Amino acid sequence: MFAATVLTLFPEMFPGPLGLSLAGRALAEGKWSLDAVNIRDHGLGRHRQVDDTPFGGGAGMVMRPDVLDAAIEAAQP
């Protein structure tokens, strides 16, 4: 059986489109499985922060590599 793991900040969006059509039918029949891992569960501090300002400055935010690494490690079988 094929097992897919998705790292996301929005696990409630899954299976979403993957739950429709032939993929959804195969998922319902147990031919493959889908696990949505919430990256925010590995966030830092009281607010489970997952992003930070860019090192070089500028507008926007970037994903913290330490948080993403923790989520990847937790998703490993």
N, C-alpha and C. Protein backbone atom coordinates (compact mmCIF):
# COMPACT_ATOMS: atom_id res chain seq x y z
N MET A 1 0.85 -1.18 0.00
CA MET A 1 0.00 0.00 0.00
C MET A 1 0.89 1.25 0.00
N PHE A 2 0.50 2.22 -0.78
CA PHE A 2 1.21 3.49 -0.85
C PHE A 2 0.76 4.38 0.30
N ALA A 3 1.72 5.00 0.98
CA ALA A 3 1.40 5.91 2.09
C ALA A 3 2.02 7.28 1.78
N ALA A 4 1.20 8.31 1.79
CA ALA A 4 1.66 9.67 1.52
C ALA A 4 1.58 10.49 2.81
N THR A 5 2.62 11.27 3.06
CA THR A 5 2.64 12.18 4.20
C THR A 5 2.80 13.59 3.68
N VAL A 6 1.94 14.49 4.12
CA VAL A 6 1.96 15.88 3.68
C VAL A 6 2.28 16.74 4.90
N LEU A 7 3.30 17.57 4.79
CA LEU A 7 3.62 18.54 5.84
C LEU A 7 2.93 19.84 5.47
N THR A 8 2.12 20.38 6.37
CA THR A 8 1.31 21.54 6.03
C THR A 8 0.99 22.35 7.28
N LEU A 9 0.71 23.62 7.07
CA LEU A 9 0.21 24.47 8.14
C LEU A 9 -1.31 24.38 8.23
N PHE A 10 -1.93 23.75 7.24
CA PHE A 10 -3.39 23.66 7.17
C PHE A 10 -3.83 22.22 6.95
N PRO A 11 -3.69 21.35 7.96
CA PRO A 11 -4.04 19.94 7.77
C PRO A 11 -5.53 19.70 7.51
N GLU A 12 -6.37 20.64 7.91
CA GLU A 12 -7.81 20.47 7.68
C GLU A 12 -8.16 20.55 6.19
N MET A 13 -7.22 20.98 5.36
CA MET A 13 -7.45 21.06 3.91
C MET A 13 -7.32 19.69 3.24
N PHE A 14 -6.87 18.69 3.97
CA PHE A 14 -6.64 17.38 3.37
C PHE A 14 -7.66 16.37 3.87
N PRO A 15 -8.15 15.48 3.01
CA PRO A 15 -7.60 15.16 1.71
C PRO A 15 -7.96 16.14 0.61
N GLY A 16 -8.94 17.02 0.81
CA GLY A 16 -9.26 18.02 -0.22
C GLY A 16 -9.40 17.40 -1.59
N PRO A 17 -8.68 17.93 -2.59
CA PRO A 17 -8.79 17.39 -3.95
C PRO A 17 -8.33 15.94 -4.05
N LEU A 18 -7.48 15.51 -3.11
CA LEU A 18 -7.02 14.12 -3.15
C LEU A 18 -8.11 13.14 -2.74
N GLY A 19 -9.20 13.65 -2.18
CA GLY A 19 -10.31 12.81 -1.77
C GLY A 19 -11.38 12.67 -2.83
N LEU A 20 -11.15 13.20 -4.01
CA LEU A 20 -12.13 13.16 -5.10
C LEU A 20 -11.68 12.24 -6.22
N SER A 21 -12.57 11.90 -7.08
CA SER A 21 -12.30 11.13 -8.28
C SER A 21 -11.70 9.77 -7.94
N LEU A 22 -10.80 9.28 -8.80
CA LEU A 22 -10.22 7.95 -8.59
C LEU A 22 -9.33 7.89 -7.36
N ALA A 23 -8.60 8.97 -7.08
CA ALA A 23 -7.74 8.99 -5.89
C ALA A 23 -8.58 8.89 -4.62
N GLY A 24 -9.70 9.56 -4.59
CA GLY A 24 -10.59 9.50 -3.43
C GLY A 24 -11.22 8.13 -3.26
N ARG A 25 -11.56 7.52 -4.37
CA ARG A 25 -12.13 6.17 -4.32
C ARG A 25 -11.09 5.18 -3.79
N ALA A 26 -9.86 5.29 -4.28
CA ALA A 26 -8.79 4.41 -3.81
C ALA A 26 -8.48 4.66 -2.34
N LEU A 27 -8.56 5.92 -1.90
CA LEU A 27 -8.34 6.25 -0.50
C LEU A 27 -9.43 5.62 0.37
N ALA A 28 -10.67 5.70 -0.06
CA ALA A 28 -11.79 5.11 0.68
C ALA A 28 -11.69 3.59 0.73
N GLU A 29 -11.15 2.99 -0.32
CA GLU A 29 -11.00 1.53 -0.36
C GLU A 29 -9.75 1.05 0.37
N GLY A 30 -8.95 1.98 0.88
CA GLY A 30 -7.75 1.60 1.63
C GLY A 30 -6.57 1.19 0.78
N LYS A 31 -6.57 1.59 -0.48
CA LYS A 31 -5.46 1.24 -1.37
C LYS A 31 -4.27 2.15 -1.17
N TRP A 32 -4.48 3.27 -0.54
CA TRP A 32 -3.40 4.16 -0.16
C TRP A 32 -3.85 4.94 1.06
N SER A 33 -2.90 5.53 1.76
CA SER A 33 -3.23 6.30 2.97
C SER A 33 -2.61 7.68 2.89
N LEU A 34 -3.22 8.59 3.59
CA LEU A 34 -2.77 9.98 3.61
C LEU A 34 -2.68 10.45 5.05
N ASP A 35 -1.52 11.00 5.40
CA ASP A 35 -1.31 11.54 6.74
C ASP A 35 -0.90 12.99 6.60
N ALA A 36 -1.67 13.90 7.16
CA ALA A 36 -1.36 15.32 7.13
C ALA A 36 -0.73 15.71 8.45
N VAL A 37 0.54 16.11 8.42
CA VAL A 37 1.28 16.50 9.62
C VAL A 37 1.22 18.02 9.75
N ASN A 38 0.78 18.48 10.90
CA ASN A 38 0.67 19.92 11.14
C ASN A 38 2.04 20.45 11.58
N ILE A 39 2.64 21.28 10.75
CA ILE A 39 3.95 21.85 11.06
C ILE A 39 3.88 22.69 12.33
N ARG A 40 2.76 23.34 12.56
CA ARG A 40 2.62 24.21 13.72
C ARG A 40 2.74 23.45 15.05
N ASP A 41 2.49 22.15 15.03
CA ASP A 41 2.67 21.35 16.24
C ASP A 41 4.12 21.37 16.72
N HIS A 42 5.04 21.72 15.84
CA HIS A 42 6.46 21.76 16.18
C HIS A 42 6.97 23.19 16.29
N GLY A 43 6.06 24.15 16.27
CA GLY A 43 6.41 25.56 16.38
C GLY A 43 6.98 25.91 17.74
N LEU A 44 7.53 27.10 17.82
CA LEU A 44 8.21 27.55 19.03
C LEU A 44 7.38 28.55 19.83
N GLY A 45 7.49 28.46 21.13
CA GLY A 45 6.85 29.44 21.99
C GLY A 45 5.37 29.18 22.21
N ARG A 46 4.78 30.09 22.93
CA ARG A 46 3.37 29.99 23.30
C ARG A 46 2.44 30.01 22.09
N HIS A 47 2.86 30.74 21.06
CA HIS A 47 2.01 30.89 19.87
C HIS A 47 2.38 29.92 18.75
N ARG A 48 3.28 28.98 19.04
CA ARG A 48 3.71 27.97 18.07
C ARG A 48 4.21 28.61 16.78
N GLN A 49 5.11 29.55 16.91
CA GLN A 49 5.64 30.31 15.78
C GLN A 49 6.42 29.41 14.83
N VAL A 50 6.12 29.51 13.54
CA VAL A 50 6.77 28.69 12.52
C VAL A 50 7.54 29.54 11.50
N ASP A 51 7.42 30.85 11.60
CA ASP A 51 8.10 31.70 10.62
C ASP A 51 8.88 32.80 11.33
N ASP A 52 9.73 33.46 10.55
CA ASP A 52 10.58 34.53 11.07
C ASP A 52 10.89 35.48 9.92
N THR A 53 11.45 36.63 10.24
CA THR A 53 11.82 37.59 9.20
C THR A 53 13.03 37.08 8.43
N PRO A 54 13.17 37.44 7.16
CA PRO A 54 14.32 36.99 6.38
C PRO A 54 15.63 37.52 6.96
N PHE A 55 16.69 36.73 6.88
CA PHE A 55 17.99 37.12 7.41
C PHE A 55 18.54 38.37 6.74
N GLY A 56 18.30 38.53 5.46
CA GLY A 56 18.81 39.68 4.72
C GLY A 56 17.91 40.90 4.83
N GLY A 57 16.84 40.81 5.58
CA GLY A 57 15.89 41.91 5.67
C GLY A 57 14.88 41.84 4.54
N GLY A 58 14.09 42.85 4.44
CA GLY A 58 13.08 42.89 3.38
C GLY A 58 11.71 42.49 3.88
N ALA A 59 10.76 42.56 2.98
CA ALA A 59 9.37 42.27 3.33
C ALA A 59 9.13 40.77 3.36
N GLY A 60 8.12 40.36 4.10
CA GLY A 60 7.70 38.97 4.12
C GLY A 60 8.26 38.18 5.28
N MET A 61 7.90 36.92 5.28
CA MET A 61 8.34 35.99 6.32
C MET A 61 8.82 34.72 5.64
N VAL A 62 9.68 33.98 6.34
CA VAL A 62 10.17 32.70 5.83
C VAL A 62 9.96 31.62 6.89
N MET A 63 9.81 30.39 6.44
CA MET A 63 9.64 29.26 7.34
C MET A 63 10.94 29.03 8.12
N ARG A 64 10.82 28.80 9.41
CA ARG A 64 11.99 28.52 10.24
C ARG A 64 12.50 27.11 9.92
N PRO A 65 13.78 26.98 9.57
CA PRO A 65 14.30 25.66 9.23
C PRO A 65 14.32 24.69 10.41
N ASP A 66 14.51 25.19 11.63
CA ASP A 66 14.52 24.30 12.79
C ASP A 66 13.13 23.69 13.04
N VAL A 67 12.09 24.47 12.82
CA VAL A 67 10.73 23.97 12.98
C VAL A 67 10.40 22.96 11.89
N LEU A 68 10.77 23.27 10.66
CA LEU A 68 10.52 22.36 9.55
C LEU A 68 11.28 21.05 9.73
N ASP A 69 12.51 21.14 10.21
CA ASP A 69 13.31 19.94 10.47
C ASP A 69 12.63 19.06 11.52
N ALA A 70 12.12 19.67 12.58
CA ALA A 70 11.43 18.91 13.63
C ALA A 70 10.19 18.21 13.08
N ALA A 71 9.45 18.88 12.19
CA ALA A 71 8.26 18.28 11.59
C ALA A 71 8.64 17.12 10.67
N ILE A 72 9.71 17.28 9.91
CA ILE A 72 10.17 16.21 9.02
C ILE A 72 10.62 15.01 9.85
N GLU A 73 11.38 15.26 10.89
CA GLU A 73 11.83 14.16 11.76
C GLU A 73 10.66 13.41 12.38
N ALA A 74 9.64 14.13 12.80
CA ALA A 74 8.47 13.50 13.42
C ALA A 74 7.66 12.69 12.40
N ALA A 75 7.72 13.06 11.14
CA ALA A 75 6.96 12.37 10.11
C ALA A 75 7.67 11.11 9.61
N GLN A 76 8.94 10.95 9.93
CA GLN A 76 9.68 9.76 9.52
C GLN A 76 9.14 8.52 10.21
N PRO A 77 9.00 7.42 9.49
CA PRO A 77 8.51 6.18 10.12
C PRO A 77 9.55 5.55 11.02
